[in-house]
């Protein structure tokens, strides 16, 4: 596993217990180093889902693809429930 894979795995692991606000996630994973674009790489791979909830605003959680990759990398650990079907996907910024 290379450095980017390890950092993407850390990002997904941080979402394992449930969605977080977009602001919280992007602040924690923003990077100024062009070699370590964790947020951008996770989005490029399709591992993140984004949607709006009326009372909570923009949310970020694991996509089905992200859930699958995380389960493969960290077998035996519980995952968050999948986002509601009512959740509206947003395009990545």
PDB file of N, CA and C in Angstrom:
ATOM      1  N   UNK A   1       0.851  -1.178   0.000  1.00  0.00           N
ATOM      2  CA  UNK A   1       0.000   0.000   0.000  1.00  0.00           C
ATOM      3  C   UNK A   1       0.896   1.240   0.000  1.00  0.00           C
ATOM      4  N   UNK A   2       0.618   2.162  -0.922  1.00  0.00           N
ATOM      5  CA  UNK A   2       1.424   3.376  -0.968  1.00  0.00           C
ATOM      6  C   UNK A   2       0.887   4.424   0.005  1.00  0.00           C
ATOM      7  N   UNK A   3       1.570   5.548   0.092  1.00  0.00           N
ATOM      8  CA  UNK A   3       1.212   6.602   1.052  1.00  0.00           C
ATOM      9  C   UNK A   3      -0.197   7.130   0.795  1.00  0.00           C
ATOM     10  N   UNK A   4      -0.534   7.372  -0.470  1.00  0.00           N
ATOM     11  CA  UNK A   4      -1.867   7.889  -0.789  1.00  0.00           C
ATOM     12  C   UNK A   4      -2.935   6.888  -0.365  1.00  0.00           C
ATOM     13  N   UNK A   5      -2.754   5.607  -0.691  1.00  0.00           N
ATOM     14  CA  UNK A   5      -3.723   4.594  -0.282  1.00  0.00           C
ATOM     15  C   UNK A   5      -3.905   4.589   1.232  1.00  0.00           C
ATOM     16  N   UNK A   6      -2.817   4.670   1.961  1.00  0.00           N
ATOM     17  CA  UNK A   6      -2.890   4.652   3.420  1.00  0.00           C
ATOM     18  C   UNK A   6      -3.654   5.864   3.952  1.00  0.00           C
ATOM     19  N   UNK A   7      -3.418   7.027   3.360  1.00  0.00           N
ATOM     20  CA  UNK A   7      -4.115   8.232   3.813  1.00  0.00           C
ATOM     21  C   UNK A   7      -5.591   8.218   3.413  1.00  0.00           C
ATOM     22  N   UNK A   8      -5.900   7.723   2.220  1.00  0.00           N
ATOM     23  CA  UNK A   8      -7.299   7.582   1.812  1.00  0.00           C
ATOM     24  C   UNK A   8      -8.004   6.613   2.762  1.00  0.00           C
ATOM     25  N   UNK A   9      -7.346   5.540   3.112  1.00  0.00           N
ATOM     26  CA  UNK A   9      -7.912   4.585   4.062  1.00  0.00           C
ATOM     27  C   UNK A   9      -8.193   5.249   5.412  1.00  0.00           C
ATOM     28  N   UNK A  10      -7.297   6.106   5.874  1.00  0.00           N
ATOM     29  CA  UNK A  10      -7.529   6.850   7.117  1.00  0.00           C
ATOM     30  C   UNK A  10      -8.754   7.752   7.003  1.00  0.00           C
ATOM     31  N   UNK A  11      -8.892   8.423   5.855  1.00  0.00           N
ATOM     32  CA  UNK A  11     -10.056   9.286   5.639  1.00  0.00           C
ATOM     33  C   UNK A  11     -11.339   8.472   5.699  1.00  0.00           C
ATOM     34  N   UNK A  12     -11.382   7.360   4.983  1.00  0.00           N
ATOM     35  CA  UNK A  12     -12.581   6.521   4.981  1.00  0.00           C
ATOM     36  C   UNK A  12     -12.849   5.939   6.359  1.00  0.00           C
ATOM     37  N   UNK A  13     -11.791   5.558   7.049  1.00  0.00           N
ATOM     38  CA  UNK A  13     -11.944   5.014   8.400  1.00  0.00           C
ATOM     39  C   UNK A  13     -12.576   6.055   9.333  1.00  0.00           C
ATOM     40  N   UNK A  14     -12.261   7.331   9.104  1.00  0.00           N
ATOM     41  CA  UNK A  14     -12.845   8.400   9.901  1.00  0.00           C
ATOM     42  C   UNK A  14     -14.333   8.578   9.653  1.00  0.00           C
ATOM     43  N   UNK A  15     -14.821   8.069   8.530  1.00  0.00           N
ATOM     44  CA  UNK A  15     -16.245   8.149   8.199  1.00  0.00           C
ATOM     45  C   UNK A  15     -16.981   6.847   8.507  1.00  0.00           C
ATOM     46  N   UNK A  16     -16.259   5.872   9.044  1.00  0.00           N
ATOM     47  CA  UNK A  16     -16.820   4.551   9.315  1.00  0.00           C
ATOM     48  C   UNK A  16     -18.056   4.615  10.213  1.00  0.00           C
ATOM     49  N   UNK A  17     -18.034   5.469  11.218  1.00  0.00           N
ATOM     50  CA  UNK A  17     -19.124   5.516  12.198  1.00  0.00           C
ATOM     51  C   UNK A  17     -20.296   6.372  11.750  1.00  0.00           C
ATOM     52  N   UNK A  18     -20.139   7.056  10.635  1.00  0.00           N
ATOM     53  CA  UNK A  18     -21.256   7.834  10.121  1.00  0.00           C
ATOM     54  C   UNK A  18     -20.808   9.098   9.420  1.00  0.00           C
ATOM     55  N   UNK A  19     -21.740   9.706   8.703  1.00  0.00           N
ATOM     56  CA  UNK A  19     -21.437  10.918   7.961  1.00  0.00           C
ATOM     57  C   UNK A  19     -21.034  12.076   8.871  1.00  0.00           C
ATOM     58  N   UNK A  20     -20.318  12.989   8.297  1.00  0.00           N
ATOM     59  CA  UNK A  20     -19.893  14.206   8.993  1.00  0.00           C
ATOM     60  C   UNK A  20     -20.205  15.394   8.085  1.00  0.00           C
ATOM     61  N   UNK A  21     -20.114  16.575   8.649  1.00  0.00           N
ATOM     62  CA  UNK A  21     -20.351  17.755   7.823  1.00  0.00           C
ATOM     63  C   UNK A  21     -19.221  17.894   6.812  1.00  0.00           C
ATOM     64  N   UNK A  22     -19.555  18.466   5.672  1.00  0.00           N
ATOM     65  CA  UNK A  22     -18.559  18.709   4.639  1.00  0.00           C
ATOM     66  C   UNK A  22     -17.427  19.561   5.199  1.00  0.00           C
ATOM     67  N   UNK A  23     -17.778  20.607   5.927  1.00  0.00           N
ATOM     68  CA  UNK A  23     -16.775  21.520   6.472  1.00  0.00           C
ATOM     69  C   UNK A  23     -15.786  20.793   7.380  1.00  0.00           C
ATOM     70  N   UNK A  24     -16.304  19.911   8.232  1.00  0.00           N
ATOM     71  CA  UNK A  24     -15.442  19.158   9.148  1.00  0.00           C
ATOM     72  C   UNK A  24     -14.482  18.248   8.381  1.00  0.00           C
ATOM     73  N   UNK A  25     -14.998  17.561   7.382  1.00  0.00           N
ATOM     74  CA  UNK A  25     -14.172  16.621   6.620  1.00  0.00           C
ATOM     75  C   UNK A  25     -13.127  17.360   5.796  1.00  0.00           C
ATOM     76  N   UNK A  26     -13.548  18.396   5.080  1.00  0.00           N
ATOM     77  CA  UNK A  26     -12.593  19.080   4.204  1.00  0.00           C
ATOM     78  C   UNK A  26     -11.524  19.789   5.021  1.00  0.00           C
ATOM     79  N   UNK A  27     -11.876  20.314   6.168  1.00  0.00           N
ATOM     80  CA  UNK A  27     -10.887  20.985   7.014  1.00  0.00           C
ATOM     81  C   UNK A  27      -9.856  19.984   7.537  1.00  0.00           C
ATOM     82  N   UNK A  28     -10.315  18.819   7.926  1.00  0.00           N
ATOM     83  CA  UNK A  28      -9.410  17.800   8.459  1.00  0.00           C
ATOM     84  C   UNK A  28      -8.510  17.208   7.376  1.00  0.00           C
ATOM     85  N   UNK A  29      -8.978  17.152   6.126  1.00  0.00           N
ATOM     86  CA  UNK A  29      -8.237  16.448   5.083  1.00  0.00           C
ATOM     87  C   UNK A  29      -7.731  17.331   3.962  1.00  0.00           C
ATOM     88  N   UNK A  30      -7.898  18.630   4.082  1.00  0.00           N
ATOM     89  CA  UNK A  30      -7.349  19.538   3.080  1.00  0.00           C
ATOM     90  C   UNK A  30      -5.828  19.424   3.122  1.00  0.00           C
ATOM     91  N   UNK A  31      -5.221  19.539   1.999  1.00  0.00           N
ATOM     92  CA  UNK A  31      -3.770  19.457   1.978  1.00  0.00           C
ATOM     93  C   UNK A  31      -3.195  20.507   1.044  1.00  0.00           C
ATOM     94  N   UNK A  32      -2.083  21.036   1.419  1.00  0.00           N
ATOM     95  CA  UNK A  32      -1.420  21.995   0.542  1.00  0.00           C
ATOM     96  C   UNK A  32      -0.303  21.318  -0.251  1.00  0.00           C
ATOM     97  N   UNK A  33      -0.029  20.068   0.051  1.00  0.00           N
ATOM     98  CA  UNK A  33       1.027  19.331  -0.640  1.00  0.00           C
ATOM     99  C   UNK A  33       0.447  18.638  -1.868  1.00  0.00           C
ATOM    100  N   UNK A  34       0.879  18.967  -3.066  1.00  0.00           N
ATOM    101  CA  UNK A  34       0.301  18.355  -4.257  1.00  0.00           C
ATOM    102  C   UNK A  34       0.547  16.851  -4.357  1.00  0.00           C
ATOM    103  N   UNK A  35       1.467  16.324  -3.601  1.00  0.00           N
ATOM    104  CA  UNK A  35       1.719  14.882  -3.646  1.00  0.00           C
ATOM    105  C   UNK A  35       0.754  14.092  -2.777  1.00  0.00           C
ATOM    106  N   UNK A  36       0.053  14.769  -1.887  1.00  0.00           N
ATOM    107  CA  UNK A  36      -0.831  14.068  -0.966  1.00  0.00           C
ATOM    108  C   UNK A  36      -2.258  14.621  -1.006  1.00  0.00           C
ATOM    109  N   UNK A  37      -2.923  14.564  -2.144  1.00  0.00           N
ATOM    110  CA  UNK A  37      -4.279  15.111  -2.267  1.00  0.00           C
ATOM    111  C   UNK A  37      -5.333  14.096  -1.798  1.00  0.00           C
ATOM    112  N   UNK A  38      -5.405  13.877  -0.522  1.00  0.00           N
ATOM    113  CA  UNK A  38      -6.254  12.811   0.030  1.00  0.00           C
ATOM    114  C   UNK A  38      -7.720  12.994  -0.353  1.00  0.00           C
ATOM    115  N   UNK A  39      -8.268  14.156  -0.105  1.00  0.00           N
ATOM    116  CA  UNK A  39      -9.667  14.431  -0.409  1.00  0.00           C
ATOM    117  C   UNK A  39      -9.941  14.239  -1.907  1.00  0.00           C
ATOM    118  N   UNK A  40      -9.093  14.810  -2.731  1.00  0.00           N
ATOM    119  CA  UNK A  40      -9.287  14.723  -4.167  1.00  0.00           C
ATOM    120  C   UNK A  40      -9.187  13.282  -4.664  1.00  0.00           C
ATOM    121  N   UNK A  41      -8.245  12.532  -4.135  1.00  0.00           N
ATOM    122  CA  UNK A  41      -8.078  11.135  -4.554  1.00  0.00           C
ATOM    123  C   UNK A  41      -9.263  10.283  -4.136  1.00  0.00           C
ATOM    124  N   UNK A  42      -9.757  10.469  -2.927  1.00  0.00           N
ATOM    125  CA  UNK A  42     -10.923   9.701  -2.464  1.00  0.00           C
ATOM    126  C   UNK A  42     -12.139  10.007  -3.346  1.00  0.00           C
ATOM    127  N   UNK A  43     -12.302  11.272  -3.728  1.00  0.00           N
ATOM    128  CA  UNK A  43     -13.394  11.630  -4.633  1.00  0.00           C
ATOM    129  C   UNK A  43     -13.189  11.033  -6.015  1.00  0.00           C
ATOM    130  N   UNK A  44     -11.964  11.117  -6.523  1.00  0.00           N
ATOM    131  CA  UNK A  44     -11.671  10.587  -7.857  1.00  0.00           C
ATOM    132  C   UNK A  44     -11.982   9.097  -7.943  1.00  0.00           C
ATOM    133  N   UNK A  45     -11.683   8.394  -6.887  1.00  0.00           N
ATOM    134  CA  UNK A  45     -11.934   6.944  -6.845  1.00  0.00           C
ATOM    135  C   UNK A  45     -13.406   6.606  -6.604  1.00  0.00           C
ATOM    136  N   UNK A  46     -14.217   7.602  -6.290  1.00  0.00           N
ATOM    137  CA  UNK A  46     -15.642   7.356  -6.055  1.00  0.00           C
ATOM    138  C   UNK A  46     -15.943   6.789  -4.677  1.00  0.00           C
ATOM    139  N   UNK A  47     -15.071   7.027  -3.711  1.00  0.00           N
ATOM    140  CA  UNK A  47     -15.227   6.468  -2.371  1.00  0.00           C
ATOM    141  C   UNK A  47     -16.109   7.315  -1.450  1.00  0.00           C
ATOM    142  N   UNK A  48     -16.410   8.554  -1.843  1.00  0.00           N
ATOM    143  CA  UNK A  48     -17.176   9.457  -0.987  1.00  0.00           C
ATOM    144  C   UNK A  48     -18.534   9.762  -1.601  1.00  0.00           C
ATOM    145  N   UNK A  49     -19.535   9.908  -0.745  1.00  0.00           N
ATOM    146  CA  UNK A  49     -20.862  10.363  -1.150  1.00  0.00           C
ATOM    147  C   UNK A  49     -21.104  11.695  -0.461  1.00  0.00           C
ATOM    148  N   UNK A  50     -21.748  12.613  -1.170  1.00  0.00           N
ATOM    149  CA  UNK A  50     -22.083  13.915  -0.603  1.00  0.00           C
ATOM    150  C   UNK A  50     -23.556  14.187  -0.867  1.00  0.00           C
ATOM    151  N   UNK A  51     -24.228  14.757   0.116  1.00  0.00           N
ATOM    152  CA  UNK A  51     -25.641  15.073  -0.013  1.00  0.00           C
ATOM    153  C   UNK A  51     -25.996  16.187   0.963  1.00  0.00           C
ATOM    154  N   UNK A  52     -27.214  16.707   0.820  1.00  0.00           N
ATOM    155  CA  UNK A  52     -27.702  17.754   1.725  1.00  0.00           C
ATOM    156  C   UNK A  52     -28.823  17.196   2.581  1.00  0.00           C
ATOM    157  N   UNK A  53     -28.795  17.535   3.847  1.00  0.00           N
ATOM    158  CA  UNK A  53     -29.890  17.239   4.765  1.00  0.00           C
ATOM    159  C   UNK A  53     -30.410  18.584   5.247  1.00  0.00           C
ATOM    160  N   UNK A  54     -31.719  18.801   5.157  1.00  0.00           N
ATOM    161  CA  UNK A  54     -32.267  20.117   5.478  1.00  0.00           C
ATOM    162  C   UNK A  54     -31.819  20.697   6.821  1.00  0.00           C
ATOM    163  N   UNK A  55     -31.769  19.893   7.844  1.00  0.00           N
ATOM    164  CA  UNK A  55     -31.412  20.429   9.160  1.00  0.00           C
ATOM    165  C   UNK A  55     -29.912  20.426   9.437  1.00  0.00           C
ATOM    166  N   UNK A  56     -29.137  19.683   8.649  1.00  0.00           N
ATOM    167  CA  UNK A  56     -27.703  19.544   8.918  1.00  0.00           C
ATOM    168  C   UNK A  56     -26.809  20.139   7.846  1.00  0.00           C
ATOM    169  N   UNK A  57     -27.341  20.424   6.686  1.00  0.00           N
ATOM    170  CA  UNK A  57     -26.528  20.968   5.606  1.00  0.00           C
ATOM    171  C   UNK A  57     -25.812  19.891   4.818  1.00  0.00           C
ATOM    172  N   UNK A  58     -24.719  20.269   4.214  1.00  0.00           N
ATOM    173  CA  UNK A  58     -23.948  19.368   3.347  1.00  0.00           C
ATOM    174  C   UNK A  58     -23.238  18.316   4.182  1.00  0.00           C
ATOM    175  N   UNK A  59     -23.416  17.059   3.793  1.00  0.00           N
ATOM    176  CA  UNK A  59     -22.862  15.922   4.521  1.00  0.00           C
ATOM    177  C   UNK A  59     -21.953  15.108   3.620  1.00  0.00           C
ATOM    178  N   UNK A  60     -21.011  14.404   4.248  1.00  0.00           N
ATOM    179  CA  UNK A  60     -20.080  13.523   3.536  1.00  0.00           C
ATOM    180  C   UNK A  60     -20.085  12.177   4.247  1.00  0.00           C
ATOM    181  N   UNK A  61     -20.191  11.124   3.474  1.00  0.00           N
ATOM    182  CA  UNK A  61     -20.144   9.768   4.015  1.00  0.00           C
ATOM    183  C   UNK A  61     -19.481   8.852   3.003  1.00  0.00           C
ATOM    184  N   UNK A  62     -19.538   7.585   3.275  1.00  0.00           N
ATOM    185  CA  UNK A  62     -18.950   6.597   2.382  1.00  0.00           C
ATOM    186  C   UNK A  62     -19.919   6.236   1.263  1.00  0.00           C
ATOM    187  N   UNK A  63     -19.426   6.186   0.040  1.00  0.00           N
ATOM    188  CA  UNK A  63     -20.227   5.673  -1.072  1.00  0.00           C
ATOM    189  C   UNK A  63     -20.223   4.145  -0.967  1.00  0.00           C
ATOM    190  N   UNK A  64     -21.037   3.494  -1.783  1.00  0.00           N
ATOM    191  CA  UNK A  64     -21.016   2.027  -1.802  1.00  0.00           C
ATOM    192  C   UNK A  64     -19.626   1.519  -2.167  1.00  0.00           C
ATOM    193  N   UNK A  65     -19.002   2.185  -3.115  1.00  0.00           N
ATOM    194  CA  UNK A  65     -17.650   1.787  -3.535  1.00  0.00           C
ATOM    195  C   UNK A  65     -16.656   1.973  -2.382  1.00  0.00           C
ATOM    196  N   UNK A  66     -16.768   3.096  -1.668  1.00  0.00           N
ATOM    197  CA  UNK A  66     -15.901   3.360  -0.518  1.00  0.00           C
ATOM    198  C   UNK A  66     -16.123   2.363   0.604  1.00  0.00           C
ATOM    199  N   UNK A  67     -17.383   2.025   0.837  1.00  0.00           N
ATOM    200  CA  UNK A  67     -17.701   1.027   1.871  1.00  0.00           C
ATOM    201  C   UNK A  67     -17.070  -0.317   1.513  1.00  0.00           C
ATOM    202  N   UNK A  68     -17.150  -0.684   0.230  1.00  0.00           N
ATOM    203  CA  UNK A  68     -16.576  -1.952  -0.211  1.00  0.00           C
ATOM    204  C   UNK A  68     -15.069  -1.992  -0.060  1.00  0.00           C
ATOM    205  N   UNK A  69     -14.404  -0.905  -0.471  1.00  0.00           N
ATOM    206  CA  UNK A  69     -12.943  -0.863  -0.379  1.00  0.00           C
ATOM    207  C   UNK A  69     -12.498  -0.866   1.083  1.00  0.00           C
ATOM    208  N   UNK A  70     -13.205  -0.107   1.913  1.00  0.00           N
ATOM    209  CA  UNK A  70     -12.860  -0.073   3.336  1.00  0.00           C
ATOM    210  C   UNK A  70     -13.061  -1.452   3.972  1.00  0.00           C
ATOM    211  N   UNK A  71     -14.158  -2.113   3.652  1.00  0.00           N
ATOM    212  CA  UNK A  71     -14.412  -3.450   4.198  1.00  0.00           C
ATOM    213  C   UNK A  71     -13.340  -4.442   3.754  1.00  0.00           C
ATOM    214  N   UNK A  72     -12.876  -4.280   2.527  1.00  0.00           N
ATOM    215  CA  UNK A  72     -11.818  -5.158   2.011  1.00  0.00           C
ATOM    216  C   UNK A  72     -10.497  -4.902   2.737  1.00  0.00           C
ATOM    217  N   UNK A  73     -10.209  -3.649   2.996  1.00  0.00           N
ATOM    218  CA  UNK A  73      -8.950  -3.288   3.639  1.00  0.00           C
ATOM    219  C   UNK A  73      -8.958  -3.530   5.141  1.00  0.00           C
ATOM    220  N   UNK A  74     -10.118  -3.379   5.762  1.00  0.00           N
ATOM    221  CA  UNK A  74     -10.245  -3.530   7.217  1.00  0.00           C
ATOM    222  C   UNK A  74     -11.380  -4.502   7.528  1.00  0.00           C
ATOM    223  N   UNK A  75     -11.212  -5.767   7.181  1.00  0.00           N
ATOM    224  CA  UNK A  75     -12.286  -6.744   7.398  1.00  0.00           C
ATOM    225  C   UNK A  75     -12.615  -6.899   8.885  1.00  0.00           C
ATOM    226  N   UNK A  76     -13.875  -7.169   9.151  1.00  0.00           N
ATOM    227  CA  UNK A  76     -14.308  -7.436  10.520  1.00  0.00           C
ATOM    228  C   UNK A  76     -14.697  -6.210  11.318  1.00  0.00           C
ATOM    229  N   UNK A  77     -14.513  -5.025  10.767  1.00  0.00           N
ATOM    230  CA  UNK A  77     -14.907  -3.803  11.481  1.00  0.00           C
ATOM    231  C   UNK A  77     -16.288  -3.365  11.007  1.00  0.00           C
ATOM    232  N   UNK A  78     -17.110  -2.923  11.936  1.00  0.00           N
ATOM    233  CA  UNK A  78     -18.465  -2.476  11.605  1.00  0.00           C
ATOM    234  C   UNK A  78     -18.410  -1.187  10.781  1.00  0.00           C
ATOM    235  N   UNK A  79     -19.343  -1.077   9.844  1.00  0.00           N
ATOM    236  CA  UNK A  79     -19.450   0.114   9.010  1.00  0.00           C
ATOM    237  C   UNK A  79     -20.724   0.870   9.342  1.00  0.00           C
ATOM    238  N   UNK A  80     -20.726   2.155   9.042  1.00  0.00           N
ATOM    239  CA  UNK A  80     -21.918   2.981   9.194  1.00  0.00           C
ATOM    240  C   UNK A  80     -23.030   2.454   8.307  1.00  0.00           C
ATOM    241  N   UNK A  81     -24.292   2.744   8.661  1.00  0.00           N
ATOM    242  CA  UNK A  81     -25.378   2.422   7.732  1.00  0.00           C
ATOM    243  C   UNK A  81     -25.228   3.268   6.470  1.00  0.00           C
ATOM    244  N   UNK A  82     -25.657   2.733   5.346  1.00  0.00           N
ATOM    245  CA  UNK A  82     -25.601   3.489   4.093  1.00  0.00           C
ATOM    246  C   UNK A  82     -26.524   4.698   4.193  1.00  0.00           C
ATOM    247  N   UNK A  83     -26.164   5.802   3.519  1.00  0.00           N
ATOM    248  CA  UNK A  83     -27.037   6.981   3.538  1.00  0.00           C
ATOM    249  C   UNK A  83     -28.434   6.653   3.028  1.00  0.00           C
ATOM    250  N   UNK A  84     -29.402   7.404   3.497  1.00  0.00           N
ATOM    251  CA  UNK A  84     -30.792   7.229   3.095  1.00  0.00           C
ATOM    252  C   UNK A  84     -30.943   7.361   1.587  1.00  0.00           C
ATOM    253  N   UNK A  85     -31.861   6.602   1.029  1.00  0.00           N
ATOM    254  CA  UNK A  85     -32.122   6.713  -0.401  1.00  0.00           C
ATOM    255  C   UNK A  85     -32.659   8.095  -0.744  1.00  0.00           C
ATOM    256  N   UNK A  86     -33.217   8.780   0.236  1.00  0.00           N
ATOM    257  CA  UNK A  86     -33.727  10.130  -0.001  1.00  0.00           C
ATOM    258  C   UNK A  86     -32.613  11.141  -0.118  1.00  0.00           C
ATOM    259  N   UNK A  87     -31.431  10.769   0.332  1.00  0.00           N
ATOM    260  CA  UNK A  87     -30.296  11.698   0.277  1.00  0.00           C
ATOM    261  C   UNK A  87     -29.994  12.015  -1.182  1.00  0.00           C
ATOM    262  N   UNK A  88     -29.795  13.260  -1.460  1.00  0.00           N
ATOM    263  CA  UNK A  88     -29.511  13.703  -2.822  1.00  0.00           C
ATOM    264  C   UNK A  88     -28.018  13.817  -3.022  1.00  0.00           C
ATOM    265  N   UNK A  89     -27.489  13.048  -3.942  1.00  0.00           N
ATOM    266  CA  UNK A  89     -26.050  13.129  -4.215  1.00  0.00           C
ATOM    267  C   UNK A  89     -25.701  14.470  -4.840  1.00  0.00           C
ATOM    268  N   UNK A  90     -24.565  14.984  -4.435  1.00  0.00           N
ATOM    269  CA  UNK A  90     -24.037  16.224  -4.993  1.00  0.00           C
ATOM    270  C   UNK A  90     -22.776  15.896  -5.758  1.00  0.00           C
ATOM    271  N   UNK A  91     -22.479  16.691  -6.738  1.00  0.00           N
ATOM    272  CA  UNK A  91     -21.219  16.474  -7.435  1.00  0.00           C
ATOM    273  C   UNK A  91     -20.080  16.977  -6.560  1.00  0.00           C
ATOM    274  N   UNK A  92     -18.937  16.368  -6.712  1.00  0.00           N
ATOM    275  CA  UNK A  92     -17.749  16.776  -5.942  1.00  0.00           C
ATOM    276  C   UNK A  92     -17.367  18.189  -6.337  1.00  0.00           C
ATOM    277  N   UNK A  93     -16.899  18.969  -5.355  1.00  0.00           N
ATOM    278  CA  UNK A  93     -16.542  20.359  -5.665  1.00  0.00           C
ATOM    279  C   UNK A  93     -15.342  20.456  -6.578  1.00  0.00           C
TER     280      UNK A  93
END
